[in-house]
N, C-alpha and C. Protein backbone atom coordinates (compact mmCIF):
# COMPACT_ATOMS: atom_id res chain seq x y z
N MET A 1 98.05 96.23 101.17
CA MET A 1 98.08 95.86 102.56
C MET A 1 96.71 95.34 102.97
N LYS A 2 96.68 94.52 103.98
CA LYS A 2 95.42 93.95 104.45
C LYS A 2 94.75 94.91 105.44
N THR A 3 93.44 95.08 105.27
CA THR A 3 92.65 95.88 106.20
C THR A 3 91.48 95.01 106.67
N LEU A 4 90.64 95.56 107.53
CA LEU A 4 89.48 94.82 108.01
C LEU A 4 88.51 94.50 106.89
N ASP A 5 88.50 95.35 105.83
CA ASP A 5 87.58 95.17 104.71
C ASP A 5 88.19 94.39 103.56
N GLY A 6 89.43 93.98 103.67
CA GLY A 6 90.13 93.31 102.58
C GLY A 6 91.42 94.04 102.24
N GLU A 7 92.02 93.68 101.14
CA GLU A 7 93.29 94.28 100.75
C GLU A 7 93.10 95.59 100.00
N VAL A 8 94.01 96.52 100.23
CA VAL A 8 94.05 97.78 99.50
C VAL A 8 95.48 98.01 99.02
N THR A 9 95.61 98.78 97.98
CA THR A 9 96.93 99.13 97.46
C THR A 9 97.25 100.55 97.89
N LEU A 10 98.41 100.72 98.51
CA LEU A 10 98.87 102.05 98.90
C LEU A 10 99.87 102.54 97.87
N THR A 11 99.73 103.77 97.45
CA THR A 11 100.71 104.39 96.59
C THR A 11 101.47 105.40 97.44
N LEU A 12 102.76 105.15 97.61
CA LEU A 12 103.56 106.02 98.46
C LEU A 12 104.06 107.21 97.66
N PRO A 13 103.92 108.41 98.19
CA PRO A 13 104.46 109.58 97.50
C PRO A 13 105.99 109.50 97.42
N ALA A 14 106.54 110.10 96.40
CA ALA A 14 108.00 110.15 96.26
C ALA A 14 108.60 110.76 97.52
N GLY A 15 109.68 110.20 97.99
CA GLY A 15 110.37 110.71 99.17
C GLY A 15 109.86 110.14 100.48
N THR A 16 108.89 109.25 100.44
CA THR A 16 108.39 108.63 101.67
C THR A 16 109.51 107.82 102.30
N SER A 17 109.74 108.01 103.58
CA SER A 17 110.80 107.27 104.26
C SER A 17 110.22 106.29 105.27
N SER A 18 111.05 105.35 105.65
CA SER A 18 110.66 104.37 106.64
C SER A 18 110.32 105.10 107.94
N GLY A 19 109.26 104.68 108.58
CA GLY A 19 108.82 105.34 109.82
C GLY A 19 107.69 106.34 109.58
N SER A 20 107.44 106.65 108.31
CA SER A 20 106.32 107.55 107.99
C SER A 20 105.00 106.86 108.29
N LYS A 21 103.96 107.65 108.43
CA LYS A 21 102.62 107.11 108.68
C LYS A 21 101.67 107.65 107.63
N MET A 22 100.73 106.79 107.21
CA MET A 22 99.70 107.21 106.25
C MET A 22 98.34 106.89 106.85
N ARG A 23 97.38 107.78 106.63
CA ARG A 23 96.03 107.59 107.14
C ARG A 23 95.14 107.04 106.03
N LEU A 24 94.43 105.96 106.33
CA LEU A 24 93.45 105.40 105.41
C LEU A 24 92.09 105.69 106.02
N ARG A 25 91.44 106.72 105.53
CA ARG A 25 90.17 107.17 106.10
C ARG A 25 89.07 106.12 105.94
N GLY A 26 88.37 105.86 107.04
CA GLY A 26 87.24 104.94 107.02
C GLY A 26 87.60 103.47 106.90
N ARG A 27 88.87 103.14 107.08
CA ARG A 27 89.30 101.73 106.97
C ARG A 27 89.60 101.10 108.32
N GLY A 28 89.36 101.82 109.41
CA GLY A 28 89.65 101.30 110.74
C GLY A 28 88.45 100.61 111.36
N VAL A 29 88.47 100.51 112.68
CA VAL A 29 87.43 99.82 113.44
C VAL A 29 86.25 100.77 113.68
N PRO A 30 85.02 100.29 113.46
CA PRO A 30 83.86 101.13 113.76
C PRO A 30 83.71 101.33 115.28
N ALA A 31 83.28 102.52 115.68
CA ALA A 31 83.07 102.80 117.11
C ALA A 31 81.90 101.98 117.64
N SER A 32 80.87 101.80 116.82
CA SER A 32 79.70 100.97 117.15
C SER A 32 79.01 100.63 115.84
N SER A 33 77.97 99.82 115.92
CA SER A 33 77.28 99.42 114.69
C SER A 33 76.62 100.62 114.01
N ALA A 34 76.31 101.66 114.77
CA ALA A 34 75.66 102.84 114.21
C ALA A 34 76.66 103.89 113.73
N GLN A 35 77.91 103.70 114.03
CA GLN A 35 78.94 104.67 113.68
C GLN A 35 79.78 104.18 112.50
N PRO A 36 80.27 105.09 111.68
CA PRO A 36 81.16 104.68 110.59
C PRO A 36 82.52 104.25 111.15
N ALA A 37 83.24 103.52 110.33
CA ALA A 37 84.57 103.06 110.75
C ALA A 37 85.51 104.25 110.91
N GLY A 38 86.43 104.12 111.83
CA GLY A 38 87.44 105.14 112.03
C GLY A 38 88.55 105.02 110.99
N ASP A 39 89.62 105.73 111.22
CA ASP A 39 90.74 105.71 110.29
C ASP A 39 91.74 104.64 110.69
N LEU A 40 92.40 104.08 109.71
CA LEU A 40 93.47 103.12 109.92
C LEU A 40 94.78 103.83 109.65
N ILE A 41 95.72 103.75 110.57
CA ILE A 41 97.02 104.38 110.39
C ILE A 41 98.01 103.29 109.97
N ALA A 42 98.63 103.48 108.81
CA ALA A 42 99.62 102.54 108.31
C ALA A 42 101.01 103.07 108.62
N ASN A 43 101.81 102.27 109.31
CA ASN A 43 103.21 102.61 109.58
C ASN A 43 104.04 102.07 108.43
N ILE A 44 104.77 102.93 107.75
CA ILE A 44 105.54 102.55 106.58
C ILE A 44 106.90 102.02 107.01
N GLN A 45 107.24 100.82 106.52
CA GLN A 45 108.54 100.23 106.79
C GLN A 45 109.16 99.86 105.45
N ILE A 46 110.28 100.48 105.14
CA ILE A 46 110.96 100.22 103.89
C ILE A 46 112.19 99.39 104.18
N ASP A 47 112.24 98.20 103.57
CA ASP A 47 113.35 97.28 103.79
C ASP A 47 114.32 97.36 102.61
N VAL A 48 115.60 97.43 102.94
CA VAL A 48 116.65 97.42 101.94
C VAL A 48 117.28 96.03 101.95
N PRO A 49 117.58 95.46 100.79
CA PRO A 49 118.16 94.11 100.78
C PRO A 49 119.44 94.04 101.61
N ALA A 50 119.56 93.00 102.43
CA ALA A 50 120.75 92.83 103.26
C ALA A 50 121.96 92.46 102.43
N ALA A 51 121.74 91.70 101.37
CA ALA A 51 122.84 91.27 100.50
C ALA A 51 122.47 91.56 99.04
N PRO A 52 122.59 92.83 98.62
CA PRO A 52 122.20 93.18 97.26
C PRO A 52 123.11 92.52 96.22
N THR A 53 122.53 92.25 95.06
CA THR A 53 123.32 91.68 93.96
C THR A 53 124.21 92.79 93.39
N GLU A 54 125.14 92.40 92.54
CA GLU A 54 126.01 93.39 91.91
C GLU A 54 125.21 94.37 91.08
N GLU A 55 124.20 93.87 90.39
CA GLU A 55 123.35 94.75 89.58
C GLU A 55 122.62 95.76 90.47
N GLN A 56 122.11 95.31 91.62
CA GLN A 56 121.43 96.21 92.55
C GLN A 56 122.40 97.25 93.11
N LYS A 57 123.63 96.82 93.42
CA LYS A 57 124.64 97.77 93.92
C LYS A 57 124.93 98.84 92.89
N GLU A 58 125.06 98.43 91.63
CA GLU A 58 125.33 99.39 90.56
C GLU A 58 124.18 100.37 90.40
N LEU A 59 122.96 99.87 90.46
CA LEU A 59 121.79 100.76 90.37
C LEU A 59 121.75 101.75 91.54
N MET A 60 122.12 101.30 92.74
CA MET A 60 122.15 102.21 93.90
C MET A 60 123.23 103.27 93.72
N ARG A 61 124.39 102.88 93.14
CA ARG A 61 125.45 103.87 92.87
C ARG A 61 124.95 104.92 91.88
N GLN A 62 124.27 104.47 90.83
CA GLN A 62 123.75 105.40 89.84
C GLN A 62 122.71 106.34 90.47
N PHE A 63 121.86 105.79 91.30
CA PHE A 63 120.86 106.60 92.00
C PHE A 63 121.54 107.62 92.91
N ALA A 64 122.55 107.19 93.66
CA ALA A 64 123.27 108.09 94.56
C ALA A 64 123.93 109.23 93.78
N ALA A 65 124.43 108.93 92.60
CA ALA A 65 125.06 109.96 91.78
C ALA A 65 124.04 111.01 91.36
N THR A 66 122.82 110.61 91.08
CA THR A 66 121.80 111.59 90.70
C THR A 66 121.44 112.47 91.88
N LEU A 67 121.47 111.91 93.09
CA LEU A 67 121.17 112.72 94.27
C LEU A 67 122.24 113.78 94.48
N SER A 68 123.51 113.40 94.26
CA SER A 68 124.60 114.37 94.39
C SER A 68 124.43 115.51 93.40
N LYS A 69 124.03 115.20 92.17
CA LYS A 69 123.81 116.23 91.15
C LYS A 69 122.67 117.15 91.56
N GLN A 70 121.61 116.60 92.15
CA GLN A 70 120.48 117.43 92.59
C GLN A 70 120.92 118.43 93.64
N LYS A 71 121.74 117.98 94.59
CA LYS A 71 122.20 118.88 95.65
C LYS A 71 123.00 120.03 95.08
N VAL A 72 123.86 119.73 94.09
CA VAL A 72 124.65 120.79 93.46
C VAL A 72 123.75 121.77 92.73
N GLU A 73 122.75 121.27 92.01
CA GLU A 73 121.84 122.13 91.26
C GLU A 73 121.00 123.00 92.20
N GLN A 74 120.61 122.46 93.36
CA GLN A 74 119.80 123.22 94.30
C GLN A 74 120.60 124.37 94.92
N LYS A 75 121.91 124.19 95.09
CA LYS A 75 122.75 125.23 95.68
C LYS A 75 123.00 126.37 94.72
N SER A 76 122.89 126.10 93.41
CA SER A 76 123.17 127.14 92.40
C SER A 76 122.07 128.16 92.34
């Protein structure tokens, strides 16, 4: 993502959902020339394809099946 200092790469933790926020310490706007930069808050937006291909649909089905198995295992 682009910041005031240039581009940075964000690594999202597993399970991050759209609407989450991440803090990038020291990447925001400085309060003054004598002060260090503040924090930059990144709003996470995850886009799902509007028209997935058949291969993408199959992969989503396989992924959904693994989630169902996890729920069953967690209840045991």
